Amino acid sequence: TDRAVQLLLETSADNSSYYCDSLKACLVTTITSSGPSQSTIKLVATNMIANGKLAGRAKRVSLV
């Protein structure tokens, strides 16, 4: 699962699958463990904010 999460997080912000892949990475880590999931969620949120991909979706991400 670590490799799957790594591949999902490597999706370019310009790719149309970026948002879904980021959320999938969060989902995969929450299924397998609790410690790494928090780090992944923070990384995804930071990347989405940095790439301007969070507008209009902030409420959904904050629920995760």
PDB file of N, CA and C in Angstrom:
ATOM      1  N   THR A   1       0.815  -1.207   0.000  1.00  0.00           N
ATOM      2  CA  THR A   1       0.000   0.000   0.000  1.00  0.00           C
ATOM      3  C   THR A   1       0.852   1.262   0.000  1.00  0.00           C
ATOM      4  N   ASP A   2       2.053   1.200   0.578  1.00  0.00           N
ATOM      5  CA  ASP A   2       2.920   2.387   0.582  1.00  0.00           C
ATOM      6  C   ASP A   2       3.271   2.822  -0.831  1.00  0.00           C
ATOM      7  N   ARG A   3       3.538   1.851  -1.692  1.00  0.00           N
ATOM      8  CA  ARG A   3       3.889   2.169  -3.084  1.00  0.00           C
ATOM      9  C   ARG A   3       2.682   2.771  -3.810  1.00  0.00           C
ATOM     10  N   ALA A   4       1.505   2.245  -3.543  1.00  0.00           N
ATOM     11  CA  ALA A   4       0.293   2.781  -4.172  1.00  0.00           C
ATOM     12  C   ALA A   4       0.075   4.233  -3.766  1.00  0.00           C
ATOM     13  N   VAL A   5       0.250   4.512  -2.490  1.00  0.00           N
ATOM     14  CA  VAL A   5       0.083   5.885  -1.992  1.00  0.00           C
ATOM     15  C   VAL A   5       1.122   6.790  -2.629  1.00  0.00           C
ATOM     16  N   GLN A   6       2.349   6.316  -2.715  1.00  0.00           N
ATOM     17  CA  GLN A   6       3.412   7.115  -3.328  1.00  0.00           C
ATOM     18  C   GLN A   6       3.066   7.452  -4.777  1.00  0.00           C
ATOM     19  N   LEU A   7       2.602   6.468  -5.528  1.00  0.00           N
ATOM     20  CA  LEU A   7       2.244   6.713  -6.925  1.00  0.00           C
ATOM     21  C   LEU A   7       1.077   7.695  -7.045  1.00  0.00           C
ATOM     22  N   LEU A   8       0.091   7.561  -6.174  1.00  0.00           N
ATOM     23  CA  LEU A   8      -1.049   8.481  -6.209  1.00  0.00           C
ATOM     24  C   LEU A   8      -0.609   9.915  -5.901  1.00  0.00           C
ATOM     25  N   LEU A   9       0.303  10.067  -4.950  1.00  0.00           N
ATOM     26  CA  LEU A   9       0.767  11.399  -4.561  1.00  0.00           C
ATOM     27  C   LEU A   9       1.699  12.022  -5.594  1.00  0.00           C
ATOM     28  N   GLU A  10       2.228  11.213  -6.492  1.00  0.00           N
ATOM     29  CA  GLU A  10       3.117  11.728  -7.533  1.00  0.00           C
ATOM     30  C   GLU A  10       2.355  12.276  -8.744  1.00  0.00           C
ATOM     31  N   THR A  11       1.039  12.186  -8.735  1.00  0.00           N
ATOM     32  CA  THR A  11       0.242  12.725  -9.837  1.00  0.00           C
ATOM     33  C   THR A  11       0.459  14.237  -9.923  1.00  0.00           C
ATOM     34  N   SER A  12       0.765  14.711 -11.104  1.00  0.00           N
ATOM     35  CA  SER A  12       1.019  16.138 -11.319  1.00  0.00           C
ATOM     36  C   SER A  12      -0.239  16.956 -11.057  1.00  0.00           C
ATOM     37  N   ALA A  13      -0.067  18.143 -10.513  1.00  0.00           N
ATOM     38  CA  ALA A  13      -1.198  19.040 -10.238  1.00  0.00           C
ATOM     39  C   ALA A  13      -1.911  19.451 -11.524  1.00  0.00           C
ATOM     40  N   ASP A  14      -1.250  19.325 -12.653  1.00  0.00           N
ATOM     41  CA  ASP A  14      -1.848  19.658 -13.943  1.00  0.00           C
ATOM     42  C   ASP A  14      -2.700  18.515 -14.503  1.00  0.00           C
ATOM     43  N   ASN A  15      -2.548  17.338 -13.941  1.00  0.00           N
ATOM     44  CA  ASN A  15      -3.280  16.161 -14.403  1.00  0.00           C
ATOM     45  C   ASN A  15      -4.732  16.232 -13.949  1.00  0.00           C
ATOM     46  N   SER A  16      -5.650  15.837 -14.805  1.00  0.00           N
ATOM     47  CA  SER A  16      -7.075  15.888 -14.458  1.00  0.00           C
ATOM     48  C   SER A  16      -7.431  14.930 -13.317  1.00  0.00           C
ATOM     49  N   SER A  17      -6.587  13.959 -13.038  1.00  0.00           N
ATOM     50  CA  SER A  17      -6.833  12.993 -11.959  1.00  0.00           C
ATOM     51  C   SER A  17      -6.223  13.418 -10.626  1.00  0.00           C
ATOM     52  N   TYR A  18      -5.585  14.577 -10.592  1.00  0.00           N
ATOM     53  CA  TYR A  18      -4.865  15.030  -9.395  1.00  0.00           C
ATOM     54  C   TYR A  18      -5.737  15.002  -8.139  1.00  0.00           C
ATOM     55  N   TYR A  19      -6.897  15.613  -8.196  1.00  0.00           N
ATOM     56  CA  TYR A  19      -7.768  15.713  -7.032  1.00  0.00           C
ATOM     57  C   TYR A  19      -8.211  14.328  -6.555  1.00  0.00           C
ATOM     58  N   CYS A  20      -8.684  13.513  -7.474  1.00  0.00           N
ATOM     59  CA  CYS A  20      -9.139  12.166  -7.108  1.00  0.00           C
ATOM     60  C   CYS A  20      -8.000  11.295  -6.594  1.00  0.00           C
ATOM     61  N   ASP A  21      -6.847  11.373  -7.230  1.00  0.00           N
ATOM     62  CA  ASP A  21      -5.701  10.581  -6.776  1.00  0.00           C
ATOM     63  C   ASP A  21      -5.260  10.995  -5.377  1.00  0.00           C
ATOM     64  N   SER A  22      -5.307  12.276  -5.093  1.00  0.00           N
ATOM     65  CA  SER A  22      -4.940  12.758  -3.762  1.00  0.00           C
ATOM     66  C   SER A  22      -5.901  12.219  -2.705  1.00  0.00           C
ATOM     67  N   LEU A  23      -7.176  12.246  -3.010  1.00  0.00           N
ATOM     68  CA  LEU A  23      -8.162  11.718  -2.068  1.00  0.00           C
ATOM     69  C   LEU A  23      -8.043  10.205  -1.912  1.00  0.00           C
ATOM     70  N   LYS A  24      -7.711   9.516  -2.999  1.00  0.00           N
ATOM     71  CA  LYS A  24      -7.498   8.068  -2.922  1.00  0.00           C
ATOM     72  C   LYS A  24      -6.318   7.753  -2.008  1.00  0.00           C
ATOM     73  N   ALA A  25      -5.264   8.553  -2.084  1.00  0.00           N
ATOM     74  CA  ALA A  25      -4.106   8.346  -1.221  1.00  0.00           C
ATOM     75  C   ALA A  25      -4.503   8.476   0.248  1.00  0.00           C
ATOM     76  N   CYS A  26      -5.336   9.457   0.538  1.00  0.00           N
ATOM     77  CA  CYS A  26      -5.819   9.628   1.908  1.00  0.00           C
ATOM     78  C   CYS A  26      -6.648   8.428   2.345  1.00  0.00           C
ATOM     79  N   LEU A  27      -7.510   7.965   1.484  1.00  0.00           N
ATOM     80  CA  LEU A  27      -8.366   6.831   1.805  1.00  0.00           C
ATOM     81  C   LEU A  27      -7.544   5.574   2.058  1.00  0.00           C
ATOM     82  N   VAL A  28      -6.584   5.296   1.207  1.00  0.00           N
ATOM     83  CA  VAL A  28      -5.749   4.109   1.360  1.00  0.00           C
ATOM     84  C   VAL A  28      -5.007   4.141   2.694  1.00  0.00           C
ATOM     85  N   THR A  29      -4.460   5.281   3.065  1.00  0.00           N
ATOM     86  CA  THR A  29      -3.704   5.344   4.320  1.00  0.00           C
ATOM     87  C   THR A  29      -4.607   5.230   5.542  1.00  0.00           C
ATOM     88  N   THR A  30      -5.830   5.696   5.465  1.00  0.00           N
ATOM     89  CA  THR A  30      -6.722   5.576   6.620  1.00  0.00           C
ATOM     90  C   THR A  30      -7.181   4.140   6.819  1.00  0.00           C
ATOM     91  N   ILE A  31      -7.218   3.375   5.750  1.00  0.00           N
ATOM     92  CA  ILE A  31      -7.605   1.971   5.853  1.00  0.00           C
ATOM     93  C   ILE A  31      -6.500   1.166   6.533  1.00  0.00           C
ATOM     94  N   THR A  32      -5.257   1.477   6.239  1.00  0.00           N
ATOM     95  CA  THR A  32      -4.143   0.654   6.721  1.00  0.00           C
ATOM     96  C   THR A  32      -3.615   1.037   8.088  1.00  0.00           C
ATOM     97  N   SER A  33      -3.646   2.315   8.438  1.00  0.00           N
ATOM     98  CA  SER A  33      -3.122   2.735   9.736  1.00  0.00           C
ATOM     99  C   SER A  33      -3.563   4.151  10.050  1.00  0.00           C
ATOM    100  N   SER A  34      -3.357   4.563  11.297  1.00  0.00           N
ATOM    101  CA  SER A  34      -3.804   5.902  11.674  1.00  0.00           C
ATOM    102  C   SER A  34      -2.675   6.934  11.690  1.00  0.00           C
ATOM    103  N   GLY A  35      -1.465   6.572  12.074  1.00  0.00           N
ATOM    104  CA  GLY A  35      -0.352   7.519  12.132  1.00  0.00           C
ATOM    105  C   GLY A  35      -0.003   8.120  10.783  1.00  0.00           C
ATOM    106  N   PRO A  36       0.344   7.268   9.812  1.00  0.00           N
ATOM    107  CA  PRO A  36       0.693   7.792   8.490  1.00  0.00           C
ATOM    108  C   PRO A  36      -0.462   8.503   7.788  1.00  0.00           C
ATOM    109  N   SER A  37      -1.683   8.147   8.115  1.00  0.00           N
ATOM    110  CA  SER A  37      -2.810   8.785   7.436  1.00  0.00           C
ATOM    111  C   SER A  37      -2.861  10.273   7.726  1.00  0.00           C
ATOM    112  N   GLN A  38      -2.556  10.665   8.935  1.00  0.00           N
ATOM    113  CA  GLN A  38      -2.556  12.084   9.271  1.00  0.00           C
ATOM    114  C   GLN A  38      -1.497  12.832   8.478  1.00  0.00           C
ATOM    115  N   SER A  39      -0.329  12.242   8.331  1.00  0.00           N
ATOM    116  CA  SER A  39       0.741  12.870   7.547  1.00  0.00           C
ATOM    117  C   SER A  39       0.340  12.997   6.083  1.00  0.00           C
ATOM    118  N   THR A  40      -0.282  11.956   5.544  1.00  0.00           N
ATOM    119  CA  THR A  40      -0.703  11.983   4.142  1.00  0.00           C
ATOM    120  C   THR A  40      -1.766  13.040   3.920  1.00  0.00           C
ATOM    121  N   ILE A  41      -2.727  13.118   4.813  1.00  0.00           N
ATOM    122  CA  ILE A  41      -3.801  14.099   4.681  1.00  0.00           C
ATOM    123  C   ILE A  41      -3.233  15.515   4.733  1.00  0.00           C
ATOM    124  N   LYS A  42      -2.298  15.761   5.643  1.00  0.00           N
ATOM    125  CA  LYS A  42      -1.670  17.084   5.730  1.00  0.00           C
ATOM    126  C   LYS A  42      -0.888  17.396   4.460  1.00  0.00           C
ATOM    127  N   LEU A  43      -0.169  16.398   3.932  1.00  0.00           N
ATOM    128  CA  LEU A  43       0.605  16.590   2.705  1.00  0.00           C
ATOM    129  C   LEU A  43      -0.319  16.916   1.543  1.00  0.00           C
ATOM    130  N   VAL A  44      -1.413  16.174   1.424  1.00  0.00           N
ATOM    131  CA  VAL A  44      -2.368  16.402   0.336  1.00  0.00           C
ATOM    132  C   VAL A  44      -2.976  17.798   0.447  1.00  0.00           C
ATOM    133  N   ALA A  45      -3.397  18.173   1.642  1.00  0.00           N
ATOM    134  CA  ALA A  45      -3.995  19.501   1.828  1.00  0.00           C
ATOM    135  C   ALA A  45      -2.997  20.600   1.476  1.00  0.00           C
ATOM    136  N   THR A  46      -1.759  20.457   1.924  1.00  0.00           N
ATOM    137  CA  THR A  46      -0.726  21.443   1.630  1.00  0.00           C
ATOM    138  C   THR A  46      -0.487  21.547   0.131  1.00  0.00           C
ATOM    139  N   ASN A  47      -0.389  20.394  -0.546  1.00  0.00           N
ATOM    140  CA  ASN A  47      -0.161  20.391  -1.991  1.00  0.00           C
ATOM    141  C   ASN A  47      -1.332  21.008  -2.742  1.00  0.00           C
ATOM    142  N   MET A  48      -2.553  20.703  -2.308  1.00  0.00           N
ATOM    143  CA  MET A  48      -3.725  21.266  -2.987  1.00  0.00           C
ATOM    144  C   MET A  48      -3.794  22.778  -2.809  1.00  0.00           C
ATOM    145  N   ILE A  49      -3.487  23.255  -1.628  1.00  0.00           N
ATOM    146  CA  ILE A  49      -3.479  24.697  -1.384  1.00  0.00           C
ATOM    147  C   ILE A  49      -2.400  25.360  -2.244  1.00  0.00           C
ATOM    148  N   ALA A  50      -1.208  24.775  -2.251  1.00  0.00           N
ATOM    149  CA  ALA A  50      -0.091  25.337  -3.004  1.00  0.00           C
ATOM    150  C   ALA A  50      -0.369  25.383  -4.506  1.00  0.00           C
ATOM    151  N   ASN A  51      -1.143  24.425  -4.998  1.00  0.00           N
ATOM    152  CA  ASN A  51      -1.415  24.348  -6.432  1.00  0.00           C
ATOM    153  C   ASN A  51      -2.766  24.937  -6.817  1.00  0.00           C
ATOM    154  N   GLY A  52      -3.422  25.604  -5.863  1.00  0.00           N
ATOM    155  CA  GLY A  52      -4.695  26.247  -6.154  1.00  0.00           C
ATOM    156  C   GLY A  52      -5.815  25.286  -6.488  1.00  0.00           C
ATOM    157  N   LYS A  53      -5.743  24.069  -5.978  1.00  0.00           N
ATOM    158  CA  LYS A  53      -6.743  23.048  -6.292  1.00  0.00           C
ATOM    159  C   LYS A  53      -7.774  22.879  -5.184  1.00  0.00           C
ATOM    160  N   LEU A  54      -7.727  23.710  -4.160  1.00  0.00           N
ATOM    161  CA  LEU A  54      -8.606  23.521  -3.017  1.00  0.00           C
ATOM    162  C   LEU A  54      -9.840  24.399  -3.068  1.00  0.00           C
ATOM    163  N   ALA A  55      -9.864  25.400  -3.917  1.00  0.00           N
ATOM    164  CA  ALA A  55     -10.994  26.327  -3.988  1.00  0.00           C
ATOM    165  C   ALA A  55     -12.298  25.575  -4.209  1.00  0.00           C
ATOM    166  N   GLY A  56     -13.298  25.862  -3.374  1.00  0.00           N
ATOM    167  CA  GLY A  56     -14.599  25.234  -3.503  1.00  0.00           C
ATOM    168  C   GLY A  56     -14.679  23.833  -2.946  1.00  0.00           C
ATOM    169  N   ARG A  57     -13.540  23.289  -2.554  1.00  0.00           N
ATOM    170  CA  ARG A  57     -13.517  21.916  -2.053  1.00  0.00           C
ATOM    171  C   ARG A  57     -13.002  21.836  -0.627  1.00  0.00           C
ATOM    172  N   ALA A  58     -12.733  22.961  -0.029  1.00  0.00           N
ATOM    173  CA  ALA A  58     -12.142  22.988   1.308  1.00  0.00           C
ATOM    174  C   ALA A  58     -12.987  22.251   2.337  1.00  0.00           C
ATOM    175  N   LYS A  59     -14.296  22.372   2.241  1.00  0.00           N
ATOM    176  CA  LYS A  59     -15.161  21.712   3.202  1.00  0.00           C
ATOM    177  C   LYS A  59     -15.045  20.201   3.100  1.00  0.00           C
ATOM    178  N   ARG A  60     -14.945  19.680   1.884  1.00  0.00           N
ATOM    179  CA  ARG A  60     -14.816  18.238   1.700  1.00  0.00           C
ATOM    180  C   ARG A  60     -13.505  17.715   2.280  1.00  0.00           C
ATOM    181  N   VAL A  61     -12.420  18.418   2.024  1.00  0.00           N
ATOM    182  CA  VAL A  61     -11.123  17.995   2.532  1.00  0.00           C
ATOM    183  C   VAL A  61     -11.082  18.085   4.050  1.00  0.00           C
ATOM    184  N   SER A  62     -11.695  19.112   4.615  1.00  0.00           N
ATOM    185  CA  SER A  62     -11.672  19.255   6.065  1.00  0.00           C
ATOM    186  C   SER A  62     -12.469  18.145   6.755  1.00  0.00           C
ATOM    187  N   LEU A  63     -13.400  17.542   6.051  1.00  0.00           N
ATOM    188  CA  LEU A  63     -14.145  16.425   6.613  1.00  0.00           C
ATOM    189  C   LEU A  63     -13.283  15.176   6.726  1.00  0.00           C
ATOM    190  N   VAL A  64     -12.319  15.038   5.834  1.00  0.00           N
ATOM    191  CA  VAL A  64     -11.424  13.894   5.861  1.00  0.00           C
ATOM    192  C   VAL A  64     -10.573  14.005   7.093  1.00  0.00           C
TER     193      VAL A  64
END
